[in-house]
PDB file of all heavy atoms in Angstrom:
ATOM      1  N   TYR A   1       0.833  -1.201   0.000  1.00  0.00           N
ATOM      2  CA  TYR A   1       0.000   0.000   0.000  1.00  0.00           C
ATOM      3  C   TYR A   1       0.872   1.257   0.000  1.00  0.00           C
ATOM      4  O   TYR A   1       0.633   2.203  -0.775  1.00  0.00           O
ATOM      5  CB  TYR A   1      -0.918   0.013   1.222  1.00  0.00           C
ATOM      6  CG  TYR A   1      -1.696   1.296   1.370  1.00  0.00           C
ATOM      7  CD1 TYR A   1      -2.829   1.547   0.605  1.00  0.00           C
ATOM      8  CD2 TYR A   1      -1.280   2.277   2.270  1.00  0.00           C
ATOM      9  CE1 TYR A   1      -3.536   2.735   0.728  1.00  0.00           C
ATOM     10  CE2 TYR A   1      -1.975   3.471   2.397  1.00  0.00           C
ATOM     11  CZ  TYR A   1      -3.103   3.690   1.633  1.00  0.00           C
ATOM     12  OH  TYR A   1      -3.792   4.873   1.753  1.00  0.00           O
ATOM     13  N   ILE A   2       1.900   1.269   0.848  1.00  0.00           N
ATOM     14  CA  ILE A   2       2.763   2.456   0.937  1.00  0.00           C
ATOM     15  C   ILE A   2       3.560   2.633  -0.349  1.00  0.00           C
ATOM     16  O   ILE A   2       3.766   3.755  -0.819  1.00  0.00           O
ATOM     17  CB  ILE A   2       3.689   2.360   2.167  1.00  0.00           C
ATOM     18  CG1 ILE A   2       2.854   2.492   3.448  1.00  0.00           C
ATOM     19  CG2 ILE A   2       4.766   3.448   2.130  1.00  0.00           C
ATOM     20  CD1 ILE A   2       3.634   2.396   4.733  1.00  0.00           C
ATOM     21  N   GLU A   3       4.003   1.543  -0.963  1.00  0.00           N
ATOM     22  CA  GLU A   3       4.738   1.653  -2.224  1.00  0.00           C
ATOM     23  C   GLU A   3       3.846   2.209  -3.335  1.00  0.00           C
ATOM     24  O   GLU A   3       4.282   3.030  -4.146  1.00  0.00           O
ATOM     25  CB  GLU A   3       5.321   0.300  -2.608  1.00  0.00           C
ATOM     26  CG  GLU A   3       6.509  -0.089  -1.727  1.00  0.00           C
ATOM     27  CD  GLU A   3       6.997  -1.509  -1.964  1.00  0.00           C
ATOM     28  OE1 GLU A   3       6.595  -2.120  -2.984  1.00  0.00           O
ATOM     29  OE2 GLU A   3       7.768  -2.019  -1.137  1.00  0.00           O
ATOM     30  N   ASP A   4       2.584   1.768  -3.369  1.00  0.00           N
ATOM     31  CA  ASP A   4       1.635   2.330  -4.346  1.00  0.00           C
ATOM     32  C   ASP A   4       1.390   3.811  -4.067  1.00  0.00           C
ATOM     33  O   ASP A   4       1.344   4.640  -4.993  1.00  0.00           O
ATOM     34  CB  ASP A   4       0.304   1.567  -4.303  1.00  0.00           C
ATOM     35  CG  ASP A   4       0.416   0.171  -4.893  1.00  0.00           C
ATOM     36  OD1 ASP A   4       1.392  -0.087  -5.627  1.00  0.00           O
ATOM     37  OD2 ASP A   4      -0.466  -0.658  -4.613  1.00  0.00           O
ATOM     38  N   PHE A   5       1.219   4.140  -2.781  1.00  0.00           N
ATOM     39  CA  PHE A   5       0.992   5.529  -2.383  1.00  0.00           C
ATOM     40  C   PHE A   5       2.202   6.385  -2.762  1.00  0.00           C
ATOM     41  O   PHE A   5       2.058   7.525  -3.223  1.00  0.00           O
ATOM     42  CB  PHE A   5       0.755   5.604  -0.872  1.00  0.00           C
ATOM     43  CG  PHE A   5       0.314   6.949  -0.382  1.00  0.00           C
ATOM     44  CD1 PHE A   5      -1.025   7.232  -0.199  1.00  0.00           C
ATOM     45  CD2 PHE A   5       1.246   7.942  -0.098  1.00  0.00           C
ATOM     46  CE1 PHE A   5      -1.438   8.472   0.248  1.00  0.00           C
ATOM     47  CE2 PHE A   5       0.855   9.194   0.339  1.00  0.00           C
ATOM     48  CZ  PHE A   5      -0.497   9.459   0.523  1.00  0.00           C
ATOM     49  N   GLN A   6       3.394   5.807  -2.596  1.00  0.00           N
ATOM     50  CA  GLN A   6       4.636   6.515  -2.908  1.00  0.00           C
ATOM     51  C   GLN A   6       4.694   6.934  -4.375  1.00  0.00           C
ATOM     52  O   GLN A   6       5.076   8.066  -4.694  1.00  0.00           O
ATOM     53  CB  GLN A   6       5.819   5.611  -2.560  1.00  0.00           C
ATOM     54  CG  GLN A   6       7.190   6.210  -2.752  1.00  0.00           C
ATOM     55  CD  GLN A   6       8.268   5.210  -2.420  1.00  0.00           C
ATOM     56  OE1 GLN A   6       8.209   4.053  -2.831  1.00  0.00           O
ATOM     57  NE2 GLN A   6       9.257   5.633  -1.656  1.00  0.00           N
ATOM     58  N   HIS A   7       4.282   6.033  -5.275  1.00  0.00           N
ATOM     59  CA  HIS A   7       4.304   6.340  -6.705  1.00  0.00           C
ATOM     60  C   HIS A   7       3.379   7.508  -7.036  1.00  0.00           C
ATOM     61  O   HIS A   7       3.688   8.333  -7.907  1.00  0.00           O
ATOM     62  CB  HIS A   7       3.906   5.108  -7.520  1.00  0.00           C
ATOM     63  CG  HIS A   7       4.908   3.998  -7.459  1.00  0.00           C
ATOM     64  ND1 HIS A   7       6.256   4.198  -7.659  1.00  0.00           N
ATOM     65  CD2 HIS A   7       4.763   2.667  -7.209  1.00  0.00           C
ATOM     66  CE1 HIS A   7       6.895   3.048  -7.540  1.00  0.00           C
ATOM     67  NE2 HIS A   7       6.017   2.111  -7.266  1.00  0.00           N
ATOM     68  N   LYS A   8       2.252   7.593  -6.330  1.00  0.00           N
ATOM     69  CA  LYS A   8       1.308   8.685  -6.567  1.00  0.00           C
ATOM     70  C   LYS A   8       1.780   9.985  -5.906  1.00  0.00           C
ATOM     71  O   LYS A   8       1.538  11.080  -6.425  1.00  0.00           O
ATOM     72  CB  LYS A   8      -0.072   8.309  -6.034  1.00  0.00           C
ATOM     73  CG  LYS A   8      -0.675   7.090  -6.712  1.00  0.00           C
ATOM     74  CD  LYS A   8      -1.940   6.640  -5.982  1.00  0.00           C
ATOM     75  CE  LYS A   8      -2.460   5.323  -6.539  1.00  0.00           C
ATOM     76  NZ  LYS A   8      -3.592   4.785  -5.748  1.00  0.00           N
ATOM     77  N   PHE A   9       2.433   9.843  -4.750  1.00  0.00           N
ATOM     78  CA  PHE A   9       2.843  11.018  -3.974  1.00  0.00           C
ATOM     79  C   PHE A   9       4.067  11.705  -4.579  1.00  0.00           C
ATOM     80  O   PHE A   9       4.131  12.935  -4.653  1.00  0.00           O
ATOM     81  CB  PHE A   9       3.141  10.601  -2.531  1.00  0.00           C
ATOM     82  CG  PHE A   9       3.626  11.715  -1.653  1.00  0.00           C
ATOM     83  CD1 PHE A   9       2.728  12.582  -1.043  1.00  0.00           C
ATOM     84  CD2 PHE A   9       4.991  11.914  -1.427  1.00  0.00           C
ATOM     85  CE1 PHE A   9       3.174  13.617  -0.233  1.00  0.00           C
ATOM     86  CE2 PHE A   9       5.447  12.943  -0.629  1.00  0.00           C
ATOM     87  CZ  PHE A   9       4.528  13.795  -0.026  1.00  0.00           C
ATOM     88  N   ASN A  10       5.054  10.916  -5.003  1.00  0.00           N
ATOM     89  CA  ASN A  10       6.298  11.488  -5.515  1.00  0.00           C
ATOM     90  C   ASN A  10       6.028  12.420  -6.693  1.00  0.00           C
ATOM     91  O   ASN A  10       5.203  12.124  -7.552  1.00  0.00           O
ATOM     92  CB  ASN A  10       7.270  10.390  -5.930  1.00  0.00           C
ATOM     93  CG  ASN A  10       7.835   9.640  -4.734  1.00  0.00           C
ATOM     94  OD1 ASN A  10       7.586   9.982  -3.587  1.00  0.00           O
ATOM     95  ND2 ASN A  10       8.611   8.609  -5.000  1.00  0.00           N
ATOM     96  N   LYS A  11       6.759  13.522  -6.717  1.00  0.00           N
ATOM     97  CA  LYS A  11       6.505  14.565  -7.720  1.00  0.00           C
ATOM     98  C   LYS A  11       7.825  15.219  -8.116  1.00  0.00           C
ATOM     99  O   LYS A  11       8.658  15.519  -7.260  1.00  0.00           O
ATOM    100  CB  LYS A  11       5.559  15.615  -7.123  1.00  0.00           C
ATOM    101  CG  LYS A  11       5.182  16.760  -8.040  1.00  0.00           C
ATOM    102  CD  LYS A  11       4.261  17.712  -7.275  1.00  0.00           C
ATOM    103  CE  LYS A  11       3.872  18.919  -8.123  1.00  0.00           C
ATOM    104  NZ  LYS A  11       3.041  19.871  -7.355  1.00  0.00           N
ATOM    105  N   GLY A  12       8.015  15.438  -9.409  1.00  0.00           N
ATOM    106  CA  GLY A  12       9.205  16.127  -9.887  1.00  0.00           C
ATOM    107  C   GLY A  12      10.404  15.200 -10.032  1.00  0.00           C
ATOM    108  O   GLY A  12      10.581  14.274  -9.250  1.00  0.00           O
ATOM    109  N   LYS A  13      11.213  15.471 -11.034  1.00  0.00           N
ATOM    110  CA  LYS A  13      12.396  14.644 -11.271  1.00  0.00           C
ATOM    111  C   LYS A  13      13.587  15.137 -10.470  1.00  0.00           C
ATOM    112  O   LYS A  13      14.330  14.358  -9.881  1.00  0.00           O
ATOM    113  CB  LYS A  13      12.730  14.646 -12.764  1.00  0.00           C
ATOM    114  CG  LYS A  13      13.730  13.577 -13.163  1.00  0.00           C
ATOM    115  CD  LYS A  13      13.855  13.473 -14.678  1.00  0.00           C
ATOM    116  CE  LYS A  13      14.810  12.343 -15.054  1.00  0.00           C
ATOM    117  NZ  LYS A  13      14.949  12.211 -16.535  1.00  0.00           N
ATOM    118  N   TYR A  14      13.774  16.452 -10.442  1.00  0.00           N
ATOM    119  CA  TYR A  14      14.889  17.050  -9.703  1.00  0.00           C
ATOM    120  C   TYR A  14      14.371  18.207  -8.864  1.00  0.00           C
ATOM    121  O   TYR A  14      13.441  18.913  -9.261  1.00  0.00           O
ATOM    122  CB  TYR A  14      15.972  17.578 -10.652  1.00  0.00           C
ATOM    123  CG  TYR A  14      16.551  16.529 -11.567  1.00  0.00           C
ATOM    124  CD1 TYR A  14      16.239  16.522 -12.926  1.00  0.00           C
ATOM    125  CD2 TYR A  14      17.410  15.552 -11.077  1.00  0.00           C
ATOM    126  CE1 TYR A  14      16.770  15.566 -13.778  1.00  0.00           C
ATOM    127  CE2 TYR A  14      17.945  14.592 -11.911  1.00  0.00           C
ATOM    128  CZ  TYR A  14      17.625  14.595 -13.265  1.00  0.00           C
ATOM    129  OH  TYR A  14      18.141  13.641 -14.086  1.00  0.00           O
ATOM    130  N   LYS A  15      15.009  18.405  -7.726  1.00  0.00           N
ATOM    131  CA  LYS A  15      14.671  19.564  -6.903  1.00  0.00           C
ATOM    132  C   LYS A  15      15.371  20.799  -7.475  1.00  0.00           C
ATOM    133  O   LYS A  15      16.511  20.719  -7.938  1.00  0.00           O
ATOM    134  CB  LYS A  15      15.131  19.314  -5.465  1.00  0.00           C
ATOM    135  CG  LYS A  15      14.648  20.368  -4.475  1.00  0.00           C
ATOM    136  CD  LYS A  15      15.132  20.082  -3.069  1.00  0.00           C
ATOM    137  CE  LYS A  15      14.331  18.973  -2.427  1.00  0.00           C
ATOM    138  NZ  LYS A  15      14.621  18.835  -0.989  1.00  0.00           N
ATOM    139  N   ALA A  16      14.685  21.927  -7.445  1.00  0.00           N
ATOM    140  CA  ALA A  16      15.255  23.170  -7.984  1.00  0.00           C
ATOM    141  C   ALA A  16      16.490  23.586  -7.194  1.00  0.00           C
ATOM    142  O   ALA A  16      16.613  23.310  -5.996  1.00  0.00           O
ATOM    143  CB  ALA A  16      14.206  24.276  -7.937  1.00  0.00           C
ATOM    144  N   GLU A  17      17.416  24.276  -7.897  1.00  0.00           N
ATOM    145  CA  GLU A  17      18.621  24.748  -7.233  1.00  0.00           C
ATOM    146  C   GLU A  17      18.281  25.835  -6.212  1.00  0.00           C
ATOM    147  O   GLU A  17      17.382  26.660  -6.433  1.00  0.00           O
ATOM    148  CB  GLU A  17      19.610  25.312  -8.252  1.00  0.00           C
ATOM    149  CG  GLU A  17      20.352  24.261  -9.050  1.00  0.00           C
ATOM    150  CD  GLU A  17      21.467  24.883  -9.883  1.00  0.00           C
ATOM    151  OE1 GLU A  17      21.141  25.483 -10.913  1.00  0.00           O
ATOM    152  OE2 GLU A  17      22.629  24.759  -9.483  1.00  0.00           O
ATOM    153  N   ASN A  18      19.030  25.863  -5.112  1.00  0.00           N
ATOM    154  CA  ASN A  18      18.899  26.928  -4.121  1.00  0.00           C
ATOM    155  C   ASN A  18      19.683  28.137  -4.624  1.00  0.00           C
ATOM    156  O   ASN A  18      20.897  28.072  -4.826  1.00  0.00           O
ATOM    157  CB  ASN A  18      19.476  26.442  -2.777  1.00  0.00           C
ATOM    158  CG  ASN A  18      19.234  27.438  -1.655  1.00  0.00           C
ATOM    159  OD1 ASN A  18      19.104  28.635  -1.887  1.00  0.00           O
ATOM    160  ND2 ASN A  18      19.207  26.937  -0.444  1.00  0.00           N
ATOM    161  N   LEU A  19      18.993  29.272  -4.849  1.00  0.00           N
ATOM    162  CA  LEU A  19      19.648  30.449  -5.421  1.00  0.00           C
ATOM    163  C   LEU A  19      20.753  30.984  -4.529  1.00  0.00           C
ATOM    164  O   LEU A  19      21.798  31.452  -5.011  1.00  0.00           O
ATOM    165  CB  LEU A  19      18.607  31.540  -5.697  1.00  0.00           C
ATOM    166  CG  LEU A  19      17.583  31.213  -6.797  1.00  0.00           C
ATOM    167  CD1 LEU A  19      16.592  32.355  -6.967  1.00  0.00           C
ATOM    168  CD2 LEU A  19      18.286  30.915  -8.124  1.00  0.00           C
ATOM    169  N   ASP A  20      20.547  30.917  -3.194  1.00  0.00           N
ATOM    170  CA  ASP A  20      21.589  31.401  -2.264  1.00  0.00           C
ATOM    171  C   ASP A  20      22.847  30.551  -2.398  1.00  0.00           C
ATOM    172  O   ASP A  20      23.966  31.080  -2.409  1.00  0.00           O
ATOM    173  CB  ASP A  20      21.081  31.346  -0.822  1.00  0.00           C
ATOM    174  CG  ASP A  20      20.004  32.385  -0.563  1.00  0.00           C
ATOM    175  OD1 ASP A  20      19.971  33.398  -1.289  1.00  0.00           O
ATOM    176  OD2 ASP A  20      19.196  32.178   0.360  1.00  0.00           O
ATOM    177  N   TYR A  21      22.653  29.228  -2.485  1.00  0.00           N
ATOM    178  CA  TYR A  21      23.795  28.322  -2.654  1.00  0.00           C
ATOM    179  C   TYR A  21      24.505  28.620  -3.980  1.00  0.00           C
ATOM    180  O   TYR A  21      25.739  28.675  -4.054  1.00  0.00           O
ATOM    181  CB  TYR A  21      23.314  26.879  -2.617  1.00  0.00           C
ATOM    182  CG  TYR A  21      24.420  25.840  -2.755  1.00  0.00           C
ATOM    183  CD1 TYR A  21      25.030  25.288  -1.631  1.00  0.00           C
ATOM    184  CD2 TYR A  21      24.848  25.420  -4.020  1.00  0.00           C
ATOM    185  CE1 TYR A  21      26.037  24.342  -1.759  1.00  0.00           C
ATOM    186  CE2 TYR A  21      25.851  24.481  -4.164  1.00  0.00           C
ATOM    187  CZ  TYR A  21      26.439  23.939  -3.028  1.00  0.00           C
ATOM    188  OH  TYR A  21      27.443  23.008  -3.157  1.00  0.00           O
ATOM    189  N   LYS A  22      23.715  28.825  -5.027  1.00  0.00           N
ATOM    190  CA  LYS A  22      24.270  29.070  -6.364  1.00  0.00           C
ATOM    191  C   LYS A  22      25.103  30.348  -6.381  1.00  0.00           C
ATOM    192  O   LYS A  22      26.198  30.400  -6.979  1.00  0.00           O
ATOM    193  CB  LYS A  22      23.113  29.165  -7.360  1.00  0.00           C
ATOM    194  CG  LYS A  22      23.544  29.199  -8.817  1.00  0.00           C
ATOM    195  CD  LYS A  22      22.316  29.184  -9.721  1.00  0.00           C
ATOM    196  CE  LYS A  22      22.741  29.207 -11.199  1.00  0.00           C
ATOM    197  NZ  LYS A  22      21.559  29.187 -12.092  1.00  0.00           N
ATOM    198  N   LYS A  23      24.608  31.409  -5.697  1.00  0.00           N
ATOM    199  CA  LYS A  23      25.334  32.682  -5.647  1.00  0.00           C
ATOM    200  C   LYS A  23      26.651  32.545  -4.899  1.00  0.00           C
ATOM    201  O   LYS A  23      27.692  33.063  -5.322  1.00  0.00           O
ATOM    202  CB  LYS A  23      24.465  33.745  -4.980  1.00  0.00           C
ATOM    203  CG  LYS A  23      23.291  34.206  -5.825  1.00  0.00           C
ATOM    204  CD  LYS A  23      22.408  35.179  -5.042  1.00  0.00           C
ATOM    205  CE  LYS A  23      21.176  35.590  -5.854  1.00  0.00           C
ATOM    206  NZ  LYS A  23      20.288  36.476  -5.062  1.00  0.00           N
ATOM    207  N   LEU A  24      26.623  31.817  -3.755  1.00  0.00           N
ATOM    208  CA  LEU A  24      27.840  31.643  -2.961  1.00  0.00           C
ATOM    209  C   LEU A  24      28.863  30.788  -3.709  1.00  0.00           C
ATOM    210  O   LEU A  24      30.070  31.037  -3.629  1.00  0.00           O
ATOM    211  CB  LEU A  24      27.489  31.002  -1.615  1.00  0.00           C
ATOM    212  CG  LEU A  24      26.748  31.913  -0.636  1.00  0.00           C
ATOM    213  CD1 LEU A  24      26.158  31.096   0.512  1.00  0.00           C
ATOM    214  CD2 LEU A  24      27.702  32.989  -0.091  1.00  0.00           C
ATOM    215  N   HIS A  25      28.363  29.772  -4.434  1.00  0.00           N
ATOM    216  CA  HIS A  25      29.262  28.938  -5.222  1.00  0.00           C
ATOM    217  C   HIS A  25      29.916  29.762  -6.334  1.00  0.00           C
ATOM    218  O   HIS A  25      31.138  29.656  -6.566  1.00  0.00           O
ATOM    219  CB  HIS A  25      28.490  27.768  -5.830  1.00  0.00           C
ATOM    220  CG  HIS A  25      29.339  26.877  -6.696  1.00  0.00           C
ATOM    221  ND1 HIS A  25      30.296  26.031  -6.174  1.00  0.00           N
ATOM    222  CD2 HIS A  25      29.386  26.711  -8.052  1.00  0.00           C
ATOM    223  CE1 HIS A  25      30.895  25.383  -7.168  1.00  0.00           C
ATOM    224  NE2 HIS A  25      30.359  25.778  -8.309  1.00  0.00           N
ATOM    225  N   ALA A  26      29.109  30.584  -7.001  1.00  0.00           N
ATOM    226  CA  ALA A  26      29.640  31.427  -8.083  1.00  0.00           C
ATOM    227  C   ALA A  26      30.669  32.419  -7.531  1.00  0.00           C
ATOM    228  O   ALA A  26      31.704  32.682  -8.168  1.00  0.00           O
ATOM    229  CB  ALA A  26      28.497  32.168  -8.770  1.00  0.00           C
ATOM    230  N   LYS A  27      30.406  32.957  -6.328  1.00  0.00           N
ATOM    231  CA  LYS A  27      31.335  33.906  -5.705  1.00  0.00           C
ATOM    232  C   LYS A  27      32.673  33.253  -5.406  1.00  0.00           C
ATOM    233  O   LYS A  27      33.739  33.826  -5.692  1.00  0.00           O
ATOM    234  CB  LYS A  27      30.714  34.463  -4.422  1.00  0.00           C
ATOM    235  CG  LYS A  27      31.598  35.480  -3.715  1.00  0.00           C
ATOM    236  CD  LYS A  27      30.926  36.007  -2.449  1.00  0.00           C
ATOM    237  CE  LYS A  27      31.827  37.015  -1.733  1.00  0.00           C
ATOM    238  NZ  LYS A  27      31.186  37.522  -0.484  1.00  0.00           N
ATOM    239  N   SER A  28      32.639  32.046  -4.848  1.00  0.00           N
ATOM    240  CA  SER A  28      33.889  31.347  -4.524  1.00  0.00           C
ATOM    241  C   SER A  28      34.680  31.026  -5.795  1.00  0.00           C
ATOM    242  O   SER A  28      35.914  31.117  -5.807  1.00  0.00           O
ATOM    243  CB  SER A  28      33.603  30.068  -3.729  1.00  0.00           C
ATOM    244  OG  SER A  28      32.927  29.112  -4.527  1.00  0.00           O
TER     245      SER A  28
END
């Protein structure tokens, strides 16, 4: 039941980048 629920619940292929992290990485 939980595995079936998981397939319906999961959403999106990748999580969006964190802009703050991206800015600090670019700065370094």
